[in-house]
Every structure is written in C-alpha cells, then in structure tokens.
Amino acid sequence: RSLVEDREGTLWVGTEGGLFRFVDGTARALASAMGLSS
C-alpha cells in the first residue's frame, strides 16, 4: 500500500499485513515495533 525511503537509504514497505523494511537486501517484517505487525 505504501513505500518510502528514509535518510539512511532504507526502503520501508507498508502492506495489508504490516510494516516491512529492507535489511541487507531482504524485506523483513518489523517485529520490534509493537502494535504494527497486524
């Protein structure tokens, strides 16, 4: 649903199932952000 790049160059991906970010070239769910996963 949404995409944005932060000032460090990390790509953030908003989906129907929660928030992801690219870490070491792989999209990973942001498990540490409580309340965002679902």
PDB file of all heavy atoms in Angstrom:
ATOM      1  N   ARG A   1       0.789  -1.220   0.000  1.00  0.00           N
ATOM      2  CA  ARG A   1       0.000   0.000   0.000  1.00  0.00           C
ATOM      3  C   ARG A   1       0.827   1.279   0.000  1.00  0.00           C
ATOM      4  O   ARG A   1       0.324   2.335  -0.375  1.00  0.00           O
ATOM      5  CB  ARG A   1      -0.933   0.008   1.222  1.00  0.00           C
ATOM      6  CG  ARG A   1      -1.875  -1.186   1.304  1.00  0.00           C
ATOM      7  CD  ARG A   1      -2.843  -1.225   0.159  1.00  0.00           C
ATOM      8  NE  ARG A   1      -3.747  -0.096   0.172  1.00  0.00           N
ATOM      9  CZ  ARG A   1      -4.935  -0.083   0.793  1.00  0.00           C
ATOM     10  NH1 ARG A   1      -5.342  -1.138   1.439  1.00  0.00           N
ATOM     11  NH2 ARG A   1      -5.701   0.984   0.730  1.00  0.00           N
ATOM     12  N   SER A   2       2.076   1.216   0.486  1.00  0.00           N
ATOM     13  CA  SER A   2       2.852   2.450   0.601  1.00  0.00           C
ATOM     14  C   SER A   2       4.343   2.144   0.606  1.00  0.00           C
ATOM     15  O   SER A   2       4.767   1.071   1.037  1.00  0.00           O
ATOM     16  CB  SER A   2       2.460   3.213   1.866  1.00  0.00           C
ATOM     17  OG  SER A   2       2.424   2.358   2.990  1.00  0.00           O
ATOM     18  N   LEU A   3       5.135   3.118   0.124  1.00  0.00           N
ATOM     19  CA  LEU A   3       6.586   2.987   0.029  1.00  0.00           C
ATOM     20  C   LEU A   3       7.232   4.319   0.376  1.00  0.00           C
ATOM     21  O   LEU A   3       6.724   5.379   0.001  1.00  0.00           O
ATOM     22  CB  LEU A   3       7.004   2.602  -1.395  1.00  0.00           C
ATOM     23  CG  LEU A   3       6.528   1.266  -1.949  1.00  0.00           C
ATOM     24  CD1 LEU A   3       6.721   1.232  -3.467  1.00  0.00           C
ATOM     25  CD2 LEU A   3       7.291   0.130  -1.303  1.00  0.00           C
ATOM     26  N   VAL A   4       8.375   4.253   1.082  1.00  0.00           N
ATOM     27  CA  VAL A   4       9.142   5.463   1.328  1.00  0.00           C
ATOM     28  C   VAL A   4      10.576   5.081   1.671  1.00  0.00           C
ATOM     29  O   VAL A   4      10.836   3.999   2.198  1.00  0.00           O
ATOM     30  CB  VAL A   4       8.515   6.311   2.469  1.00  0.00           C
ATOM     31  CG1 VAL A   4       8.797   5.711   3.831  1.00  0.00           C
ATOM     32  CG2 VAL A   4       8.988   7.749   2.397  1.00  0.00           C
ATOM     33  N   GLU A   5      11.505   5.957   1.347  1.00  0.00           N
ATOM     34  CA  GLU A   5      12.916   5.763   1.667  1.00  0.00           C
ATOM     35  C   GLU A   5      13.313   6.784   2.719  1.00  0.00           C
ATOM     36  O   GLU A   5      13.001   7.974   2.595  1.00  0.00           O
ATOM     37  CB  GLU A   5      13.755   5.942   0.405  1.00  0.00           C
ATOM     38  CG  GLU A   5      15.242   5.677   0.582  1.00  0.00           C
ATOM     39  CD  GLU A   5      16.011   5.930  -0.705  1.00  0.00           C
ATOM     40  OE1 GLU A   5      15.556   6.761  -1.522  1.00  0.00           O
ATOM     41  OE2 GLU A   5      17.069   5.326  -0.890  1.00  0.00           O
ATOM     42  N   ASP A   6      14.006   6.347   3.778  1.00  0.00           N
ATOM     43  CA  ASP A   6      14.423   7.288   4.813  1.00  0.00           C
ATOM     44  C   ASP A   6      15.780   7.885   4.481  1.00  0.00           C
ATOM     45  O   ASP A   6      16.401   7.563   3.466  1.00  0.00           O
ATOM     46  CB  ASP A   6      14.379   6.647   6.198  1.00  0.00           C
ATOM     47  CG  ASP A   6      15.384   5.513   6.378  1.00  0.00           C
ATOM     48  OD1 ASP A   6      16.367   5.446   5.610  1.00  0.00           O
ATOM     49  OD2 ASP A   6      15.190   4.686   7.285  1.00  0.00           O
ATOM     50  N   ARG A   7      16.282   8.762   5.354  1.00  0.00           N
ATOM     51  CA  ARG A   7      17.512   9.491   5.051  1.00  0.00           C
ATOM     52  C   ARG A   7      18.735   8.588   5.047  1.00  0.00           C
ATOM     53  O   ARG A   7      19.776   8.946   4.488  1.00  0.00           O
ATOM     54  CB  ARG A   7      17.702  10.627   6.046  1.00  0.00           C
ATOM     55  CG  ARG A   7      17.830  10.191   7.496  1.00  0.00           C
ATOM     56  CD  ARG A   7      17.984  11.385   8.421  1.00  0.00           C
ATOM     57  NE  ARG A   7      18.140  10.993   9.810  1.00  0.00           N
ATOM     58  CZ  ARG A   7      18.338  11.856  10.797  1.00  0.00           C
ATOM     59  NH1 ARG A   7      18.386  13.148  10.539  1.00  0.00           N
ATOM     60  NH2 ARG A   7      18.474  11.424  12.029  1.00  0.00           N
ATOM     61  N   GLU A   8      18.630   7.403   5.682  1.00  0.00           N
ATOM     62  CA  GLU A   8      19.733   6.433   5.644  1.00  0.00           C
ATOM     63  C   GLU A   8      19.690   5.547   4.406  1.00  0.00           C
ATOM     64  O   GLU A   8      20.567   4.704   4.205  1.00  0.00           O
ATOM     65  CB  GLU A   8      19.705   5.545   6.888  1.00  0.00           C
ATOM     66  CG  GLU A   8      20.217   6.212   8.163  1.00  0.00           C
ATOM     67  CD  GLU A   8      19.179   7.123   8.778  1.00  0.00           C
ATOM     68  OE1 GLU A   8      17.973   6.829   8.617  1.00  0.00           O
ATOM     69  OE2 GLU A   8      19.547   8.130   9.414  1.00  0.00           O
ATOM     70  N   GLY A   9      18.653   5.708   3.575  1.00  0.00           N
ATOM     71  CA  GLY A   9      18.532   4.903   2.368  1.00  0.00           C
ATOM     72  C   GLY A   9      17.784   3.608   2.560  1.00  0.00           C
ATOM     73  O   GLY A   9      17.734   2.773   1.649  1.00  0.00           O
ATOM     74  N   THR A  10      17.163   3.411   3.718  1.00  0.00           N
ATOM     75  CA  THR A  10      16.357   2.213   3.964  1.00  0.00           C
ATOM     76  C   THR A  10      15.000   2.366   3.292  1.00  0.00           C
ATOM     77  O   THR A  10      14.342   3.402   3.444  1.00  0.00           O
ATOM     78  CB  THR A  10      16.152   1.987   5.475  1.00  0.00           C
ATOM     79  OG1 THR A  10      17.419   1.781   6.084  1.00  0.00           O
ATOM     80  CG2 THR A  10      15.264   0.784   5.731  1.00  0.00           C
ATOM     81  N   LEU A  11      14.582   1.348   2.556  1.00  0.00           N
ATOM     82  CA  LEU A  11      13.261   1.353   1.934  1.00  0.00           C
ATOM     83  C   LEU A  11      12.270   0.708   2.887  1.00  0.00           C
ATOM     84  O   LEU A  11      12.461  -0.424   3.320  1.00  0.00           O
ATOM     85  CB  LEU A  11      13.272   0.606   0.599  1.00  0.00           C
ATOM     86  CG  LEU A  11      11.934   0.632  -0.148  1.00  0.00           C
ATOM     87  CD1 LEU A  11      11.679   2.016  -0.732  1.00  0.00           C
ATOM     88  CD2 LEU A  11      11.902  -0.421  -1.250  1.00  0.00           C
ATOM     89  N   TRP A  12      11.206   1.448   3.209  1.00  0.00           N
ATOM     90  CA  TRP A  12      10.135   0.952   4.066  1.00  0.00           C
ATOM     91  C   TRP A  12       8.939   0.601   3.198  1.00  0.00           C
ATOM     92  O   TRP A  12       8.604   1.328   2.258  1.00  0.00           O
ATOM     93  CB  TRP A  12       9.753   2.006   5.095  1.00  0.00           C
ATOM     94  CG  TRP A  12      10.855   2.329   6.059  1.00  0.00           C
ATOM     95  CD1 TRP A  12      11.867   3.225   5.883  1.00  0.00           C
ATOM     96  CD2 TRP A  12      11.069   1.743   7.343  1.00  0.00           C
ATOM     97  NE1 TRP A  12      12.694   3.241   6.974  1.00  0.00           N
ATOM     98  CE2 TRP A  12      12.223   2.346   7.896  1.00  0.00           C
ATOM     99  CE3 TRP A  12      10.387   0.772   8.097  1.00  0.00           C
ATOM    100  CZ2 TRP A  12      12.715   2.010   9.153  1.00  0.00           C
ATOM    101  CZ3 TRP A  12      10.869   0.441   9.351  1.00  0.00           C
ATOM    102  CH2 TRP A  12      12.016   1.053   9.869  1.00  0.00           C
ATOM    103  N   VAL A  13       8.278  -0.508   3.523  1.00  0.00           N
ATOM    104  CA  VAL A  13       7.169  -1.022   2.728  1.00  0.00           C
ATOM    105  C   VAL A  13       5.967  -1.242   3.639  1.00  0.00           C
ATOM    106  O   VAL A  13       6.028  -2.039   4.582  1.00  0.00           O
ATOM    107  CB  VAL A  13       7.549  -2.350   2.032  1.00  0.00           C
ATOM    108  CG1 VAL A  13       6.426  -2.810   1.109  1.00  0.00           C
ATOM    109  CG2 VAL A  13       8.865  -2.216   1.279  1.00  0.00           C
ATOM    110  N   GLY A  14       4.885  -0.520   3.358  1.00  0.00           N
ATOM    111  CA  GLY A  14       3.654  -0.713   4.114  1.00  0.00           C
ATOM    112  C   GLY A  14       2.719  -1.642   3.368  1.00  0.00           C
ATOM    113  O   GLY A  14       2.438  -1.438   2.184  1.00  0.00           O
ATOM    114  N   THR A  15       2.245  -2.682   4.040  1.00  0.00           N
ATOM    115  CA  THR A  15       1.383  -3.682   3.408  1.00  0.00           C
ATOM    116  C   THR A  15       0.113  -3.886   4.229  1.00  0.00           C
ATOM    117  O   THR A  15      -0.025  -3.377   5.340  1.00  0.00           O
ATOM    118  CB  THR A  15       2.101  -5.034   3.281  1.00  0.00           C
ATOM    119  OG1 THR A  15       2.114  -5.696   4.559  1.00  0.00           O
ATOM    120  CG2 THR A  15       3.528  -4.858   2.783  1.00  0.00           C
ATOM    121  N   GLU A  16      -0.804  -4.684   3.669  1.00  0.00           N
ATOM    122  CA  GLU A  16      -2.021  -5.034   4.393  1.00  0.00           C
ATOM    123  C   GLU A  16      -1.694  -5.827   5.656  1.00  0.00           C
ATOM    124  O   GLU A  16      -2.469  -5.840   6.609  1.00  0.00           O
ATOM    125  CB  GLU A  16      -2.949  -5.861   3.501  1.00  0.00           C
ATOM    126  CG  GLU A  16      -3.603  -5.082   2.387  1.00  0.00           C
ATOM    127  CD  GLU A  16      -4.770  -4.233   2.852  1.00  0.00           C
ATOM    128  OE1 GLU A  16      -5.132  -4.322   4.034  1.00  0.00           O
ATOM    129  OE2 GLU A  16      -5.309  -3.477   2.024  1.00  0.00           O
ATOM    130  N   GLY A  17      -0.545  -6.498   5.671  1.00  0.00           N
ATOM    131  CA  GLY A  17      -0.172  -7.336   6.807  1.00  0.00           C
ATOM    132  C   GLY A  17       0.826  -6.717   7.754  1.00  0.00           C
ATOM    133  O   GLY A  17       1.325  -7.389   8.655  1.00  0.00           O
ATOM    134  N   GLY A  18       1.155  -5.435   7.564  1.00  0.00           N
ATOM    135  CA  GLY A  18       2.082  -4.783   8.474  1.00  0.00           C
ATOM    136  C   GLY A  18       3.217  -4.072   7.763  1.00  0.00           C
ATOM    137  O   GLY A  18       3.197  -3.865   6.540  1.00  0.00           O
ATOM    138  N   LEU A  19       4.233  -3.721   8.536  1.00  0.00           N
ATOM    139  CA  LEU A  19       5.350  -2.910   8.062  1.00  0.00           C
ATOM    140  C   LEU A  19       6.593  -3.767   7.831  1.00  0.00           C
ATOM    141  O   LEU A  19       6.944  -4.608   8.663  1.00  0.00           O
ATOM    142  CB  LEU A  19       5.657  -1.825   9.093  1.00  0.00           C
ATOM    143  CG  LEU A  19       6.760  -0.827   8.764  1.00  0.00           C
ATOM    144  CD1 LEU A  19       6.364   0.029   7.564  1.00  0.00           C
ATOM    145  CD2 LEU A  19       7.035   0.060   9.978  1.00  0.00           C
ATOM    146  N   PHE A  20       7.256  -3.531   6.692  1.00  0.00           N
ATOM    147  CA  PHE A  20       8.492  -4.224   6.346  1.00  0.00           C
ATOM    148  C   PHE A  20       9.562  -3.181   6.041  1.00  0.00           C
ATOM    149  O   PHE A  20       9.261  -2.044   5.671  1.00  0.00           O
ATOM    150  CB  PHE A  20       8.311  -5.105   5.110  1.00  0.00           C
ATOM    151  CG  PHE A  20       7.440  -6.311   5.331  1.00  0.00           C
ATOM    152  CD1 PHE A  20       6.062  -6.186   5.401  1.00  0.00           C
ATOM    153  CD2 PHE A  20       8.000  -7.577   5.459  1.00  0.00           C
ATOM    154  CE1 PHE A  20       5.253  -7.296   5.600  1.00  0.00           C
ATOM    155  CE2 PHE A  20       7.212  -8.694   5.656  1.00  0.00           C
ATOM    156  CZ  PHE A  20       5.833  -8.545   5.723  1.00  0.00           C
ATOM    157  N   ARG A  21      10.842  -3.595   6.170  1.00  0.00           N
ATOM    158  CA  ARG A  21      11.940  -2.768   5.708  1.00  0.00           C
ATOM    159  C   ARG A  21      13.003  -3.668   5.093  1.00  0.00           C
ATOM    160  O   ARG A  21      13.106  -4.843   5.443  1.00  0.00           O
ATOM    161  CB  ARG A  21      12.530  -1.934   6.839  1.00  0.00           C
ATOM    162  CG  ARG A  21      13.190  -2.727   7.944  1.00  0.00           C
ATOM    163  CD  ARG A  21      13.747  -1.796   9.011  1.00  0.00           C
ATOM    164  NE  ARG A  21      14.236  -2.533  10.172  1.00  0.00           N
ATOM    165  CZ  ARG A  21      14.678  -1.964  11.284  1.00  0.00           C
ATOM    166  NH1 ARG A  21      14.689  -0.643  11.381  1.00  0.00           N
ATOM    167  NH2 ARG A  21      15.097  -2.683  12.288  1.00  0.00           N
ATOM    168  N   PHE A  22      13.773  -3.101   4.162  1.00  0.00           N
ATOM    169  CA  PHE A  22      14.838  -3.878   3.538  1.00  0.00           C
ATOM    170  C   PHE A  22      16.081  -3.804   4.412  1.00  0.00           C
ATOM    171  O   PHE A  22      16.625  -2.734   4.671  1.00  0.00           O
ATOM    172  CB  PHE A  22      15.137  -3.355   2.128  1.00  0.00           C
ATOM    173  CG  PHE A  22      14.264  -3.974   1.074  1.00  0.00           C
ATOM    174  CD1 PHE A  22      12.996  -3.479   0.830  1.00  0.00           C
ATOM    175  CD2 PHE A  22      14.697  -5.075   0.354  1.00  0.00           C
ATOM    176  CE1 PHE A  22      12.179  -4.056  -0.131  1.00  0.00           C
ATOM    177  CE2 PHE A  22      13.891  -5.670  -0.595  1.00  0.00           C
ATOM    178  CZ  PHE A  22      12.629  -5.159  -0.846  1.00  0.00           C
ATOM    179  N   VAL A  23      16.521  -4.961   4.880  1.00  0.00           N
ATOM    180  CA  VAL A  23      17.719  -5.099   5.698  1.00  0.00           C
ATOM    181  C   VAL A  23      18.642  -6.085   5.004  1.00  0.00           C
ATOM    182  O   VAL A  23      18.254  -7.225   4.735  1.00  0.00           O
ATOM    183  CB  VAL A  23      17.382  -5.602   7.122  1.00  0.00           C
ATOM    184  CG1 VAL A  23      18.655  -5.776   7.938  1.00  0.00           C
ATOM    185  CG2 VAL A  23      16.419  -4.646   7.818  1.00  0.00           C
ATOM    186  N   ASP A  24      19.866  -5.636   4.661  1.00  0.00           N
ATOM    187  CA  ASP A  24      20.828  -6.489   3.950  1.00  0.00           C
ATOM    188  C   ASP A  24      20.220  -7.069   2.682  1.00  0.00           C
ATOM    189  O   ASP A  24      20.436  -8.234   2.336  1.00  0.00           O
ATOM    190  CB  ASP A  24      21.325  -7.614   4.863  1.00  0.00           C
ATOM    191  CG  ASP A  24      22.062  -7.091   6.082  1.00  0.00           C
ATOM    192  OD1 ASP A  24      22.714  -6.041   5.963  1.00  0.00           O
ATOM    193  OD2 ASP A  24      21.972  -7.720   7.154  1.00  0.00           O
ATOM    194  N   GLY A  25      19.440  -6.245   1.974  1.00  0.00           N
ATOM    195  CA  GLY A  25      18.870  -6.661   0.697  1.00  0.00           C
ATOM    196  C   GLY A  25      17.665  -7.562   0.785  1.00  0.00           C
ATOM    197  O   GLY A  25      17.226  -8.106  -0.228  1.00  0.00           O
ATOM    198  N   THR A  26      17.086  -7.724   1.992  1.00  0.00           N
ATOM    199  CA  THR A  26      15.932  -8.594   2.173  1.00  0.00           C
ATOM    200  C   THR A  26      14.829  -7.858   2.917  1.00  0.00           C
ATOM    201  O   THR A  26      15.092  -7.150   3.889  1.00  0.00           O
ATOM    202  CB  THR A  26      16.319  -9.851   2.966  1.00  0.00           C
ATOM    203  OG1 THR A  26      17.356 -10.546   2.259  1.00  0.00           O
ATOM    204  CG2 THR A  26      15.124 -10.784   3.127  1.00  0.00           C
ATOM    205  N   ALA A  27      13.586  -8.021   2.451  1.00  0.00           N
ATOM    206  CA  ALA A  27      12.449  -7.394   3.120  1.00  0.00           C
ATOM    207  C   ALA A  27      12.104  -8.205   4.360  1.00  0.00           C
ATOM    208  O   ALA A  27      11.856  -9.405   4.290  1.00  0.00           O
ATOM    209  CB  ALA A  27      11.253  -7.337   2.181  1.00  0.00           C
ATOM    210  N   ARG A  28      12.098  -7.524   5.504  1.00  0.00           N
ATOM    211  CA  ARG A  28      11.810  -8.192   6.771  1.00  0.00           C
ATOM    212  C   ARG A  28      10.723  -7.454   7.521  1.00  0.00           C
ATOM    213  O   ARG A  28      10.701  -6.228   7.560  1.00  0.00           O
ATOM    214  CB  ARG A  28      13.081  -8.254   7.627  1.00  0.00           C
ATOM    215  CG  ARG A  28      14.196  -9.055   6.980  1.00  0.00           C
ATOM    216  CD  ARG A  28      15.435  -9.077   7.859  1.00  0.00           C
ATOM    217  NE  ARG A  28      16.532  -9.795   7.224  1.00  0.00           N
ATOM    218  CZ  ARG A  28      17.751  -9.892   7.723  1.00  0.00           C
ATOM    219  NH1 ARG A  28      18.035  -9.298   8.878  1.00  0.00           N
ATOM    220  NH2 ARG A  28      18.694 -10.564   7.082  1.00  0.00           N
ATOM    221  N   ALA A  29       9.825  -8.220   8.159  1.00  0.00           N
ATOM    222  CA  ALA A  29       8.779  -7.618   8.969  1.00  0.00           C
ATOM    223  C   ALA A  29       9.401  -6.944  10.181  1.00  0.00           C
ATOM    224  O   ALA A  29      10.385  -7.427  10.740  1.00  0.00           O
ATOM    225  CB  ALA A  29       7.781  -8.684   9.411  1.00  0.00           C
ATOM    226  N   LEU A  30       8.814  -5.830  10.581  1.00  0.00           N
ATOM    227  CA  LEU A  30       9.354  -5.090  11.706  1.00  0.00           C
ATOM    228  C   LEU A  30       8.717  -5.608  12.992  1.00  0.00           C
ATOM    229  O   LEU A  30       7.759  -5.056  13.505  1.00  0.00           O
ATOM    230  CB  LEU A  30       9.087  -3.593  11.547  1.00  0.00           C
ATOM    231  CG  LEU A  30       9.930  -2.702  12.452  1.00  0.00           C
ATOM    232  CD1 LEU A  30      11.400  -2.783  12.062  1.00  0.00           C
ATOM    233  CD2 LEU A  30       9.452  -1.271  12.385  1.00  0.00           C
ATOM    234  N   ALA A  31       9.292  -6.675  13.509  1.00  0.00           N
ATOM    235  CA  ALA A  31       8.729  -7.326  14.681  1.00  0.00           C
ATOM    236  C   ALA A  31       8.910  -6.506  15.946  1.00  0.00           C
ATOM    237  O   ALA A  31       8.149  -6.645  16.903  1.00  0.00           O
ATOM    238  CB  ALA A  31       9.374  -8.697  14.868  1.00  0.00           C
ATOM    239  N   SER A  32       9.916  -5.634  15.980  1.00  0.00           N
ATOM    240  CA  SER A  32      10.210  -4.891  17.203  1.00  0.00           C
ATOM    241  C   SER A  32       9.216  -3.770  17.460  1.00  0.00           C
ATOM    242  O   SER A  32       9.129  -3.265  18.580  1.00  0.00           O
ATOM    243  CB  SER A  32      11.625  -4.314  17.139  1.00  0.00           C
ATOM    244  OG  SER A  32      11.738  -3.408  16.058  1.00  0.00           O
ATOM    245  N   ALA A  33       8.473  -3.356  16.421  1.00  0.00           N
ATOM    246  CA  ALA A  33       7.515  -2.268  16.592  1.00  0.00           C
ATOM    247  C   ALA A  33       6.179  -2.849  17.043  1.00  0.00           C
ATOM    248  O   ALA A  33       5.369  -3.266  16.236  1.00  0.00           O
ATOM    249  CB  ALA A  33       7.362  -1.489  15.286  1.00  0.00           C
ATOM    250  N   MET A  34       5.959  -2.903  18.319  1.00  0.00           N
ATOM    251  CA  MET A  34       4.744  -3.500  18.858  1.00  0.00           C
ATOM    252  C   MET A  34       3.513  -2.720  18.387  1.00  0.00           C
ATOM    253  O   MET A  34       3.495  -1.502  18.371  1.00  0.00           O
ATOM    254  CB  MET A  34       4.801  -3.510  20.379  1.00  0.00           C
ATOM    255  CG  MET A  34       6.004  -4.238  20.946  1.00  0.00           C
ATOM    256  SD  MET A  34       6.166  -5.942  20.348  1.00  0.00           S
ATOM    257  CE  MET A  34       4.708  -6.661  21.087  1.00  0.00           C
ATOM    258  N   GLY A  35       2.482  -3.481  18.005  1.00  0.00           N
ATOM    259  CA  GLY A  35       1.256  -2.848  17.541  1.00  0.00           C
ATOM    260  C   GLY A  35       1.221  -2.589  16.057  1.00  0.00           C
ATOM    261  O   GLY A  35       0.198  -2.161  15.540  1.00  0.00           O
ATOM    262  N   LEU A  36       2.314  -2.866  15.344  1.00  0.00           N
ATOM    263  CA  LEU A  36       2.339  -2.631  13.903  1.00  0.00           C
ATOM    264  C   LEU A  36       2.241  -3.918  13.096  1.00  0.00           C
ATOM    265  O   LEU A  36       1.994  -3.880  11.913  1.00  0.00           O
ATOM    266  CB  LEU A  36       3.634  -1.912  13.517  1.00  0.00           C
ATOM    267  CG  LEU A  36       3.821  -0.491  14.025  1.00  0.00           C
ATOM    268  CD1 LEU A  36       5.176   0.035  13.583  1.00  0.00           C
ATOM    269  CD2 LEU A  36       2.718   0.417  13.542  1.00  0.00           C
ATOM    270  N   SER A  37       2.444  -5.065  13.734  1.00  0.00           N
ATOM    271  CA  SER A  37       2.630  -6.296  12.981  1.00  0.00           C
ATOM    272  C   SER A  37       1.384  -6.759  12.236  1.00  0.00           C
ATOM    273  O   SER A  37       1.482  -7.389  11.199  1.00  0.00           O
ATOM    274  CB  SER A  37       3.104  -7.417  13.922  1.00  0.00           C
ATOM    275  OG  SER A  37       2.157  -7.623  14.948  1.00  0.00           O
ATOM    276  N   SER A  38       0.188  -6.431  12.742  1.00  0.00           N
ATOM    277  CA  SER A  38      -1.009  -6.970  12.110  1.00  0.00           C
ATOM    278  C   SER A  38      -1.883  -5.909  11.446  1.00  0.00           C
ATOM    279  O   SER A  38      -2.802  -6.247  10.709  1.00  0.00           O
ATOM    280  CB  SER A  38      -1.855  -7.720  13.159  1.00  0.00           C
ATOM    281  OG  SER A  38      -2.254  -6.837  14.197  1.00  0.00           O
TER     282      SER A  38
END
